[in-house]
């Protein structure tokens, strides 16, 4: 059976042992075979810089393509200094600069997070 729903997971943490990336991996395991769940890799996405938008760096092009092709998004992110983690904010900045915010239009988004804190 071919997947009928494409979901893209984006973790706000770049750490290899990230709890939030772990949440996305677990979510993927819990889904039926009719759902294609892909996890974006933000490790090579550079800081947003309007001077680097033409052409966009390859990791950015990949991320935009993944968001565009997804039917829904799942964002997994820890609280970071009373906000979202910089890696996720940066990814959202790149994708949101597409004309009319097209990759995000009409897509449901779920947000989850796990934290351990520094204490």
C-alpha atoms as a PDB file:
ATOM      1  CA  UNK A   1       0.000   0.000   0.000  1.00  0.00           C
ATOM      2  CA  UNK A   2       1.369   3.410  -0.979  1.00  0.00           C
ATOM      3  CA  UNK A   3       1.570   6.135   1.642  1.00  0.00           C
ATOM      4  CA  UNK A   4      -1.431   8.430   1.543  1.00  0.00           C
ATOM      5  CA  UNK A   5      -0.257  11.054   4.003  1.00  0.00           C
ATOM      6  CA  UNK A   6       3.144  12.754   4.025  1.00  0.00           C
ATOM      7  CA  UNK A   7       4.229  14.289   7.324  1.00  0.00           C
ATOM      8  CA  UNK A   8       7.459  16.194   7.875  1.00  0.00           C
ATOM      9  CA  UNK A   9       8.937  16.319  11.358  1.00  0.00           C
ATOM     10  CA  UNK A  10      11.279  19.172  12.204  1.00  0.00           C
ATOM     11  CA  UNK A  11      13.278  19.135  15.426  1.00  0.00           C
ATOM     12  CA  UNK A  12      14.495  22.346  16.971  1.00  0.00           C
ATOM     13  CA  UNK A  13      17.520  20.582  18.399  1.00  0.00           C
ATOM     14  CA  UNK A  14      20.654  19.701  16.459  1.00  0.00           C
ATOM     15  CA  UNK A  15      22.089  17.353  19.103  1.00  0.00           C
ATOM     16  CA  UNK A  16      22.551  13.689  18.091  1.00  0.00           C
ATOM     17  CA  UNK A  17      20.902  12.538  21.338  1.00  0.00           C
ATOM     18  CA  UNK A  18      18.150  15.154  21.288  1.00  0.00           C
ATOM     19  CA  UNK A  19      15.010  14.246  23.228  1.00  0.00           C
ATOM     20  CA  UNK A  20      12.935  16.187  20.700  1.00  0.00           C
ATOM     21  CA  UNK A  21      14.368  14.343  17.714  1.00  0.00           C
ATOM     22  CA  UNK A  22      13.712  11.187  19.737  1.00  0.00           C
ATOM     23  CA  UNK A  23      10.057  12.232  20.049  1.00  0.00           C
ATOM     24  CA  UNK A  24       9.868  12.496  16.255  1.00  0.00           C
ATOM     25  CA  UNK A  25      11.482   9.069  15.795  1.00  0.00           C
ATOM     26  CA  UNK A  26       8.996   7.573  18.257  1.00  0.00           C
ATOM     27  CA  UNK A  27       6.051   9.260  16.521  1.00  0.00           C
ATOM     28  CA  UNK A  28       7.241   7.783  13.225  1.00  0.00           C
ATOM     29  CA  UNK A  29       7.247   4.281  14.745  1.00  0.00           C
ATOM     30  CA  UNK A  30       3.670   4.703  15.982  1.00  0.00           C
ATOM     31  CA  UNK A  31       2.154   5.530  12.595  1.00  0.00           C
ATOM     32  CA  UNK A  32       0.444   3.103  10.242  1.00  0.00           C
ATOM     33  CA  UNK A  33       2.135   2.152   6.953  1.00  0.00           C
ATOM     34  CA  UNK A  34      -0.186   4.493   5.046  1.00  0.00           C
ATOM     35  CA  UNK A  35       1.695   7.457   6.550  1.00  0.00           C
ATOM     36  CA  UNK A  36       5.092   8.561   5.278  1.00  0.00           C
ATOM     37  CA  UNK A  37       6.878  10.375   8.132  1.00  0.00           C
ATOM     38  CA  UNK A  38      10.166  12.035   7.248  1.00  0.00           C
ATOM     39  CA  UNK A  39      12.421  13.940   9.639  1.00  0.00           C
ATOM     40  CA  UNK A  40      14.171  17.017   8.265  1.00  0.00           C
ATOM     41  CA  UNK A  41      17.877  17.419   8.919  1.00  0.00           C
ATOM     42  CA  UNK A  42      18.713  21.001   9.874  1.00  0.00           C
ATOM     43  CA  UNK A  43      22.392  20.387  10.649  1.00  0.00           C
ATOM     44  CA  UNK A  44      23.665  22.023   7.460  1.00  0.00           C
ATOM     45  CA  UNK A  45      21.036  24.760   7.094  1.00  0.00           C
ATOM     46  CA  UNK A  46      23.002  28.032   7.375  1.00  0.00           C
ATOM     47  CA  UNK A  47      21.829  31.075   9.280  1.00  0.00           C
ATOM     48  CA  UNK A  48      19.236  32.993   7.302  1.00  0.00           C
ATOM     49  CA  UNK A  49      20.913  35.717   5.272  1.00  0.00           C
ATOM     50  CA  UNK A  50      19.011  37.650   2.612  1.00  0.00           C
ATOM     51  CA  UNK A  51      22.277  38.034   0.701  1.00  0.00           C
ATOM     52  CA  UNK A  52      22.431  34.240   0.232  1.00  0.00           C
ATOM     53  CA  UNK A  53      18.949  33.805  -1.206  1.00  0.00           C
ATOM     54  CA  UNK A  54      19.895  33.607  -4.876  1.00  0.00           C
ATOM     55  CA  UNK A  55      20.657  30.829  -5.277  1.00  0.00           C
ATOM     56  CA  UNK A  56      19.629  29.337  -1.960  1.00  0.00           C
ATOM     57  CA  UNK A  57      22.105  26.927  -0.354  1.00  0.00           C
ATOM     58  CA  UNK A  58      21.361  23.260  -1.163  1.00  0.00           C
ATOM     59  CA  UNK A  59      20.320  22.328   2.428  1.00  0.00           C
ATOM     60  CA  UNK A  60      17.783  25.184   2.304  1.00  0.00           C
ATOM     61  CA  UNK A  61      16.457  24.035  -1.069  1.00  0.00           C
ATOM     62  CA  UNK A  62      16.050  20.523   0.369  1.00  0.00           C
ATOM     63  CA  UNK A  63      14.155  21.840   3.402  1.00  0.00           C
ATOM     64  CA  UNK A  64      11.847  23.982   1.256  1.00  0.00           C
ATOM     65  CA  UNK A  65      11.139  20.996  -1.008  1.00  0.00           C
ATOM     66  CA  UNK A  66      10.382  18.781   2.028  1.00  0.00           C
ATOM     67  CA  UNK A  67       7.972  21.329   3.520  1.00  0.00           C
ATOM     68  CA  UNK A  68       6.313  21.895   0.147  1.00  0.00           C
ATOM     69  CA  UNK A  69       5.773  18.148  -0.407  1.00  0.00           C
ATOM     70  CA  UNK A  70       4.461  17.518   3.120  1.00  0.00           C
ATOM     71  CA  UNK A  71       0.745  17.345   3.844  1.00  0.00           C
ATOM     72  CA  UNK A  72       1.338  18.276   7.503  1.00  0.00           C
ATOM     73  CA  UNK A  73       4.172  19.288   9.822  1.00  0.00           C
ATOM     74  CA  UNK A  74       5.179  18.176  13.308  1.00  0.00           C
ATOM     75  CA  UNK A  75       7.522  20.528  15.135  1.00  0.00           C
ATOM     76  CA  UNK A  76       9.405  19.155  18.131  1.00  0.00           C
ATOM     77  CA  UNK A  77      11.229  21.780  20.093  1.00  0.00           C
ATOM     78  CA  UNK A  78      12.414  22.483  23.608  1.00  0.00           C
ATOM     79  CA  UNK A  79      11.826  25.834  25.254  1.00  0.00           C
ATOM     80  CA  UNK A  80      15.021  27.798  24.732  1.00  0.00           C
ATOM     81  CA  UNK A  81      15.548  31.049  26.645  1.00  0.00           C
ATOM     82  CA  UNK A  82      11.758  31.570  26.822  1.00  0.00           C
ATOM     83  CA  UNK A  83      11.341  30.990  23.084  1.00  0.00           C
ATOM     84  CA  UNK A  84      11.873  28.321  20.444  1.00  0.00           C
ATOM     85  CA  UNK A  85      15.310  26.935  19.667  1.00  0.00           C
ATOM     86  CA  UNK A  86      17.387  28.923  17.163  1.00  0.00           C
ATOM     87  CA  UNK A  87      17.704  26.011  14.696  1.00  0.00           C
ATOM     88  CA  UNK A  88      13.923  25.762  14.333  1.00  0.00           C
ATOM     89  CA  UNK A  89      13.458  29.545  14.139  1.00  0.00           C
ATOM     90  CA  UNK A  90      16.119  29.705  11.450  1.00  0.00           C
ATOM     91  CA  UNK A  91      14.488  26.915   9.426  1.00  0.00           C
ATOM     92  CA  UNK A  92      11.116  28.647   9.646  1.00  0.00           C
ATOM     93  CA  UNK A  93      12.750  31.924   8.559  1.00  0.00           C
ATOM     94  CA  UNK A  94      14.176  30.334   5.396  1.00  0.00           C
ATOM     95  CA  UNK A  95      10.933  28.598   4.402  1.00  0.00           C
ATOM     96  CA  UNK A  96       8.738  31.594   5.206  1.00  0.00           C
ATOM     97  CA  UNK A  97      10.673  33.734   2.713  1.00  0.00           C
ATOM     98  CA  UNK A  98       9.238  31.768  -0.213  1.00  0.00           C
ATOM     99  CA  UNK A  99       6.684  33.783  -2.235  1.00  0.00           C
ATOM    100  CA  UNK A 100       3.371  34.047  -0.375  1.00  0.00           C
ATOM    101  CA  UNK A 101       4.718  31.666   2.299  1.00  0.00           C
ATOM    102  CA  UNK A 102       3.529  28.967  -0.139  1.00  0.00           C
ATOM    103  CA  UNK A 103       5.230  25.911   1.438  1.00  0.00           C
ATOM    104  CA  UNK A 104       3.252  26.475   4.668  1.00  0.00           C
ATOM    105  CA  UNK A 105      -0.120  27.392   3.143  1.00  0.00           C
ATOM    106  CA  UNK A 106      -3.002  25.204   4.271  1.00  0.00           C
ATOM    107  CA  UNK A 107      -0.848  22.765   6.231  1.00  0.00           C
ATOM    108  CA  UNK A 108      -1.841  21.604   9.684  1.00  0.00           C
ATOM    109  CA  UNK A 109       0.958  21.832  12.230  1.00  0.00           C
ATOM    110  CA  UNK A 110       1.378  19.954  15.493  1.00  0.00           C
ATOM    111  CA  UNK A 111       3.842  21.076  18.142  1.00  0.00           C
ATOM    112  CA  UNK A 112       5.402  18.900  20.827  1.00  0.00           C
ATOM    113  CA  UNK A 113       8.403  19.156  23.045  1.00  0.00           C
ATOM    114  CA  UNK A 114      10.489  17.473  25.645  1.00  0.00           C
ATOM    115  CA  UNK A 115      13.009  19.083  27.894  1.00  0.00           C
ATOM    116  CA  UNK A 116      15.488  18.227  30.538  1.00  0.00           C
ATOM    117  CA  UNK A 117      16.829  21.621  31.309  1.00  0.00           C
ATOM    118  CA  UNK A 118      20.274  22.505  32.565  1.00  0.00           C
ATOM    119  CA  UNK A 119      19.371  21.890  36.205  1.00  0.00           C
END
